[in-house]
Amino acid sequence: MRFDTLAQHGGYDPKEHRGHRSEPIYVGVAPVQPDSETARRVFVGEEEGIIYPRFGTENSRMVEKRLALLEGGEAAETFATGLAAINCMLFALTKPKDIVVVQERIYGGTTQSLKVFFSDRRVIFVKDMNDLDELSQKTKGLRPKFVFTEILSNPTLDVLDVKKLAEFSRRNKAKLVVDSTFATPVLSRPLEFGADIVIHSTTKFINIENMGGIVIGQKSDVQMVHEAAKFYGATCSQYDLKETLKGIRFLPIKVRRQSETALEIARFLSRHRAIKQVYYPGLPNSRNYYLAKKYLPDGCGGMLAFETHGTGKDTKNFIDTLALISNVVNLGSTWSNVTYPQETTHSILDPETRLSSGITETFVRFSTGLEDADDLLEDLDQALRKISN
């Protein structure tokens, strides 16, 4: 089946669920086991079955199968949040003193989690992961266990050269992990370029309004994550999983439309006198343009960012003047919103790390929804004019 068909049917057969065309929600906690031997075999993983939610449910397996098919992975494991997926994956596949190489410009929550919960690992932050000289220099004489990056960085929209990073990882016998939340499998599938593991916060574009996260990759890696997940305790609820399945069905249409509108907005902002800089790899003057053509040929997604002229106070006045576009600390929904990372998503970082991550007091992250592009442009223009007069 092709991609759009898999988004509707992948990993689900109505015949296995009493003929229900729409995936049912399986409520409850522990199903009755037919006999003691079956209970034992299912519990220890010798036989596939449902025994307890932390070990997997009907709904989690539907989501795992479908997203694994869309990403081209062998297996997947769902979690309650994207950060839980990252943390459990690292707990499962690394040990104390292992070297983990991480892109510096990534989601602030990931950075802080690595510093707080993985202080017993040696975490090396690299400013530009596409600069193989810097990467080699930072890891000279070392043997990295993991290389962690975002294919579209949050929030500066850097595009990572996955193929080159995969080659570097293989030379060092390290695993390449790519967070593809901003791209979704609609626009890019990192496993096809050599990544070992792909992670999504399904809370964002995939699910829209419900929490979730997923790890996708080879069976051997995912099995280790699965064993850790049994006792990690970040199990996604059945309701959230059902909503994830619903979100996947609309994902191809939604993401393509968001990508088209985001490009229009980026072009508009790049010409506006109140804007200092626009971060969107779909613009020809972006330093990421050629990598975007390689890894995101069908569009660069619904996320963009920009810096306004003036001060942080001016930027916050702009945000507060927006009428249609909401101020929300999330992204990927069907309505558009802005986020002020300096005081929200990246506020937990120390000032030096925050600045290194590209976050200034005039920086704004923009998530494109499904509104008419002209309405969004008018709202942006009226708010920008008030701070540029």
Foldseek 3Di string as FASTA:
>chain_A
DDQLVLLQCFQDDCVVVVNDSADDQDDDFADDDPDDVRQVCCVVVVDPDDGGQLLPDPLQSSLFRSQLVLLVFDTKGKFQFLLLLVVLLCVLQDDFQAEEEEELQAFQVNVVCCVPVVVRYHYHYFLAPQPVVSVCVSQPPHQHAEYEYECQGPPQGAGHPLLVVLVVCVVSVHAYEYEDAQQRSLFFRSVVSRHAKYKYQCCAQQLAHGGMMMIGGYPVSNVSSSVSSSVSPRGHHSVSSSSSSVSSSCRNVWFLLLQVLQVVLQVLLVPDPFFDDKRFLCDPPHPRVVVCCVGGVSGRTNKIKTFTPDFLVLLVQLQVQQDQAAADPGANHQGKHKYQCCVPRNVVDDPVSCVSNVHDSRMMMIHGHNDDSVVVSVRSVVSSVVSVD
